[in-house]
Amino acid sequence: MAIEGTDLVIVAGDYITVDLLVWRRYRTRPPGLFEITLDINPHLARIHRTTPFLPAGTQVRIPIDPDVLRGAPQPAKVVMLYE
């Protein structure tokens, strides 16, 4: 994943989650992007202790992945249980 900066999003409504913000930005669920978003926004861990919903006014940085924006296929992780 080639992250090239972030977009700043300010939550302006009720019942908004981090997953919804990522979905609104990319219109897909790219693998690993949700986790990267949580990593670059450590203040969200404090909020998620009590609720998955972000309060209005919360600032969230969404990572910019140009490959996802272009619609390039994402590499699938292959998990082999037996060899």
N, C-alpha and C. Protein backbone atom coordinates (compact mmCIF):
# COMPACT_ATOMS: atom_id res chain seq x y z
N MET A 1 0.84 -1.16 0.00
CA MET A 1 0.00 0.00 0.00
C MET A 1 0.89 1.23 0.00
N ALA A 2 0.66 2.13 -0.93
CA ALA A 2 1.48 3.33 -1.06
C ALA A 2 0.70 4.55 -0.57
N ILE A 3 0.86 4.87 0.69
CA ILE A 3 0.13 5.99 1.27
C ILE A 3 0.89 7.28 0.95
N GLU A 4 0.17 8.26 0.43
CA GLU A 4 0.77 9.55 0.06
C GLU A 4 0.08 10.69 0.77
N GLY A 5 0.21 10.75 2.08
CA GLY A 5 -0.39 11.83 2.84
C GLY A 5 -1.75 11.45 3.38
N THR A 6 -2.45 12.47 3.91
CA THR A 6 -3.76 12.25 4.51
C THR A 6 -4.72 13.37 4.14
N ASP A 7 -6.00 13.06 4.25
CA ASP A 7 -7.06 14.06 4.15
C ASP A 7 -7.63 14.26 5.55
N LEU A 8 -7.89 15.50 5.92
CA LEU A 8 -8.49 15.78 7.22
C LEU A 8 -10.00 15.85 7.06
N VAL A 9 -10.70 15.04 7.85
CA VAL A 9 -12.15 15.00 7.83
C VAL A 9 -12.62 15.39 9.22
N ILE A 10 -13.61 16.27 9.30
CA ILE A 10 -14.21 16.65 10.58
C ILE A 10 -15.61 16.07 10.62
N VAL A 11 -15.88 15.27 11.63
CA VAL A 11 -17.19 14.61 11.76
C VAL A 11 -18.24 15.68 12.03
N ALA A 12 -19.31 15.66 11.22
CA ALA A 12 -20.34 16.69 11.33
C ALA A 12 -21.73 16.10 11.55
N GLY A 13 -21.81 14.84 11.94
CA GLY A 13 -23.13 14.24 12.13
C GLY A 13 -23.10 13.20 13.23
N ASP A 14 -24.25 12.55 13.42
CA ASP A 14 -24.37 11.50 14.42
C ASP A 14 -24.20 10.13 13.77
N TYR A 15 -23.82 9.17 14.58
CA TYR A 15 -23.69 7.76 14.16
C TYR A 15 -22.69 7.57 13.02
N ILE A 16 -21.60 8.31 13.06
CA ILE A 16 -20.52 8.20 12.09
C ILE A 16 -19.42 7.33 12.70
N THR A 17 -18.95 6.34 11.95
CA THR A 17 -17.86 5.47 12.40
C THR A 17 -16.65 5.67 11.49
N VAL A 18 -15.51 5.19 11.93
CA VAL A 18 -14.29 5.28 11.12
C VAL A 18 -14.48 4.50 9.82
N ASP A 19 -15.08 3.34 9.92
CA ASP A 19 -15.32 2.51 8.73
C ASP A 19 -16.18 3.26 7.71
N LEU A 20 -17.17 3.98 8.18
CA LEU A 20 -18.03 4.76 7.28
C LEU A 20 -17.25 5.89 6.61
N LEU A 21 -16.35 6.53 7.34
CA LEU A 21 -15.53 7.60 6.75
C LEU A 21 -14.63 7.05 5.64
N VAL A 22 -14.03 5.88 5.88
CA VAL A 22 -13.18 5.26 4.85
C VAL A 22 -14.03 4.89 3.65
N TRP A 23 -15.22 4.34 3.88
CA TRP A 23 -16.13 3.98 2.79
C TRP A 23 -16.51 5.21 1.96
N ARG A 24 -16.83 6.31 2.63
CA ARG A 24 -17.22 7.53 1.90
C ARG A 24 -16.07 8.07 1.07
N ARG A 25 -14.85 7.89 1.52
CA ARG A 25 -13.69 8.40 0.78
C ARG A 25 -13.38 7.56 -0.44
N TYR A 26 -13.45 6.23 -0.31
CA TYR A 26 -13.00 5.34 -1.38
C TYR A 26 -14.12 4.57 -2.08
N ARG A 27 -15.31 4.50 -1.48
CA ARG A 27 -16.44 3.74 -2.01
C ARG A 27 -16.11 2.26 -2.17
N THR A 28 -15.21 1.79 -1.34
CA THR A 28 -14.83 0.38 -1.28
C THR A 28 -14.17 0.15 0.08
N ARG A 29 -13.91 -1.10 0.39
CA ARG A 29 -13.22 -1.41 1.64
C ARG A 29 -11.84 -1.99 1.32
N PRO A 30 -10.87 -1.12 1.05
CA PRO A 30 -9.53 -1.62 0.74
C PRO A 30 -8.92 -2.33 1.94
N PRO A 31 -8.28 -3.47 1.72
CA PRO A 31 -7.69 -4.22 2.84
C PRO A 31 -6.61 -3.42 3.56
N GLY A 32 -6.73 -3.34 4.87
CA GLY A 32 -5.72 -2.69 5.69
C GLY A 32 -5.88 -1.20 5.87
N LEU A 33 -6.73 -0.54 5.10
CA LEU A 33 -6.84 0.91 5.19
C LEU A 33 -7.53 1.36 6.48
N PHE A 34 -8.48 0.59 6.94
CA PHE A 34 -9.15 0.89 8.21
C PHE A 34 -8.13 0.87 9.35
N GLU A 35 -7.29 -0.16 9.37
CA GLU A 35 -6.28 -0.28 10.41
C GLU A 35 -5.25 0.85 10.34
N ILE A 36 -4.85 1.22 9.13
CA ILE A 36 -3.91 2.33 8.98
C ILE A 36 -4.54 3.62 9.49
N THR A 37 -5.82 3.81 9.21
CA THR A 37 -6.52 5.00 9.68
C THR A 37 -6.51 5.05 11.21
N LEU A 38 -6.75 3.93 11.84
CA LEU A 38 -6.70 3.90 13.31
C LEU A 38 -5.29 4.15 13.83
N ASP A 39 -4.27 3.64 13.13
CA ASP A 39 -2.89 3.84 13.55
C ASP A 39 -2.47 5.31 13.50
N ILE A 40 -2.91 6.04 12.49
CA ILE A 40 -2.49 7.45 12.38
C ILE A 40 -3.39 8.39 13.17
N ASN A 41 -4.43 7.84 13.81
CA ASN A 41 -5.33 8.63 14.65
C ASN A 41 -5.41 7.99 16.04
N PRO A 42 -4.34 8.09 16.84
CA PRO A 42 -4.35 7.41 18.14
C PRO A 42 -5.43 7.91 19.09
N HIS A 43 -5.94 9.12 18.89
CA HIS A 43 -6.98 9.66 19.76
C HIS A 43 -8.31 8.90 19.62
N LEU A 44 -8.47 8.14 18.52
CA LEU A 44 -9.70 7.39 18.32
C LEU A 44 -9.81 6.20 19.27
N ALA A 45 -8.69 5.69 19.77
CA ALA A 45 -8.72 4.56 20.70
C ALA A 45 -9.45 4.95 21.98
N ARG A 46 -9.27 6.16 22.43
CA ARG A 46 -9.95 6.64 23.64
C ARG A 46 -11.46 6.69 23.42
N ILE A 47 -11.87 7.12 22.22
CA ILE A 47 -13.30 7.20 21.90
C ILE A 47 -13.89 5.80 21.78
N HIS A 48 -13.15 4.88 21.15
CA HIS A 48 -13.67 3.54 20.92
C HIS A 48 -13.79 2.69 22.18
N ARG A 49 -13.28 3.17 23.29
CA ARG A 49 -13.44 2.43 24.55
C ARG A 49 -14.90 2.40 24.98
N THR A 50 -15.66 3.44 24.60
CA THR A 50 -17.05 3.54 25.05
C THR A 50 -18.07 3.35 23.94
N THR A 51 -17.71 3.72 22.71
CA THR A 51 -18.67 3.66 21.61
C THR A 51 -17.94 3.59 20.28
N PRO A 52 -18.53 2.96 19.28
CA PRO A 52 -17.91 2.96 17.95
C PRO A 52 -18.20 4.25 17.18
N PHE A 53 -19.13 5.06 17.68
CA PHE A 53 -19.53 6.28 16.98
C PHE A 53 -18.66 7.46 17.39
N LEU A 54 -18.29 8.26 16.41
CA LEU A 54 -17.44 9.42 16.67
C LEU A 54 -18.30 10.63 16.99
N PRO A 55 -17.94 11.39 18.03
CA PRO A 55 -18.71 12.59 18.34
C PRO A 55 -18.51 13.66 17.28
N ALA A 56 -19.52 14.50 17.10
CA ALA A 56 -19.42 15.61 16.14
C ALA A 56 -18.24 16.49 16.52
N GLY A 57 -17.50 16.92 15.51
CA GLY A 57 -16.33 17.76 15.73
C GLY A 57 -15.02 17.01 15.80
N THR A 58 -15.07 15.69 15.84
CA THR A 58 -13.84 14.88 15.89
C THR A 58 -13.09 15.00 14.56
N GLN A 59 -11.79 15.24 14.65
CA GLN A 59 -10.96 15.32 13.46
C GLN A 59 -10.31 13.97 13.20
N VAL A 60 -10.45 13.49 11.95
CA VAL A 60 -9.90 12.20 11.57
C VAL A 60 -9.08 12.38 10.30
N ARG A 61 -7.87 11.86 10.32
CA ARG A 61 -7.03 11.89 9.12
C ARG A 61 -7.21 10.57 8.38
N ILE A 62 -7.66 10.66 7.12
CA ILE A 62 -7.88 9.51 6.26
C ILE A 62 -6.67 9.40 5.33
N PRO A 63 -5.97 8.25 5.32
CA PRO A 63 -4.81 8.11 4.44
C PRO A 63 -5.21 8.12 2.97
N ILE A 64 -4.36 8.70 2.14
CA ILE A 64 -4.59 8.76 0.70
C ILE A 64 -3.78 7.64 0.05
N ASP A 65 -4.47 6.72 -0.62
CA ASP A 65 -3.83 5.63 -1.35
C ASP A 65 -4.17 5.80 -2.82
N PRO A 66 -3.24 6.30 -3.63
CA PRO A 66 -3.53 6.56 -5.04
C PRO A 66 -3.91 5.31 -5.83
N ASP A 67 -3.39 4.14 -5.44
CA ASP A 67 -3.75 2.90 -6.14
C ASP A 67 -5.24 2.60 -5.98
N VAL A 68 -5.76 2.79 -4.79
CA VAL A 68 -7.18 2.54 -4.56
C VAL A 68 -8.02 3.59 -5.30
N LEU A 69 -7.57 4.83 -5.30
CA LEU A 69 -8.31 5.89 -5.99
C LEU A 69 -8.37 5.65 -7.50
N ARG A 70 -7.29 5.07 -8.06
CA ARG A 70 -7.26 4.76 -9.49
C ARG A 70 -8.06 3.51 -9.81
N GLY A 71 -8.40 2.74 -8.80
CA GLY A 71 -9.14 1.50 -9.03
C GLY A 71 -8.25 0.33 -9.35
N ALA A 72 -6.96 0.45 -9.06
CA ALA A 72 -6.04 -0.65 -9.31
C ALA A 72 -6.38 -1.81 -8.39
N PRO A 73 -6.28 -3.02 -8.90
CA PRO A 73 -6.59 -4.18 -8.05
C PRO A 73 -5.59 -4.28 -6.89
N GLN A 74 -6.11 -4.61 -5.73
CA GLN A 74 -5.28 -4.76 -4.55
C GLN A 74 -4.79 -6.20 -4.45
N PRO A 75 -3.54 -6.39 -4.07
CA PRO A 75 -3.05 -7.76 -3.95
C PRO A 75 -3.77 -8.48 -2.81
N ALA A 76 -4.17 -9.70 -3.08
CA ALA A 76 -4.86 -10.50 -2.06
C ALA A 76 -3.83 -11.23 -1.21
N LYS A 77 -4.09 -11.29 0.07
CA LYS A 77 -3.22 -12.04 0.95
C LYS A 77 -3.59 -13.52 0.85
N VAL A 78 -2.62 -14.34 0.62
CA VAL A 78 -2.85 -15.77 0.52
C VAL A 78 -2.42 -16.42 1.83
N VAL A 79 -3.35 -17.10 2.44
CA VAL A 79 -3.07 -17.81 3.68
C VAL A 79 -3.12 -19.30 3.39
N MET A 80 -2.00 -19.97 3.64
CA MET A 80 -1.96 -21.42 3.40
C MET A 80 -2.02 -22.12 4.74
N LEU A 81 -3.04 -22.92 4.94
CA LEU A 81 -3.18 -23.65 6.19
C LEU A 81 -2.30 -24.89 6.22
N TYR A 82 -2.18 -25.54 5.06
CA TYR A 82 -1.37 -26.75 4.98
C TYR A 82 -0.47 -26.66 3.76
N GLU A 83 0.69 -27.24 3.87
CA GLU A 83 1.58 -27.24 2.72
C GLU A 83 1.72 -28.61 2.15
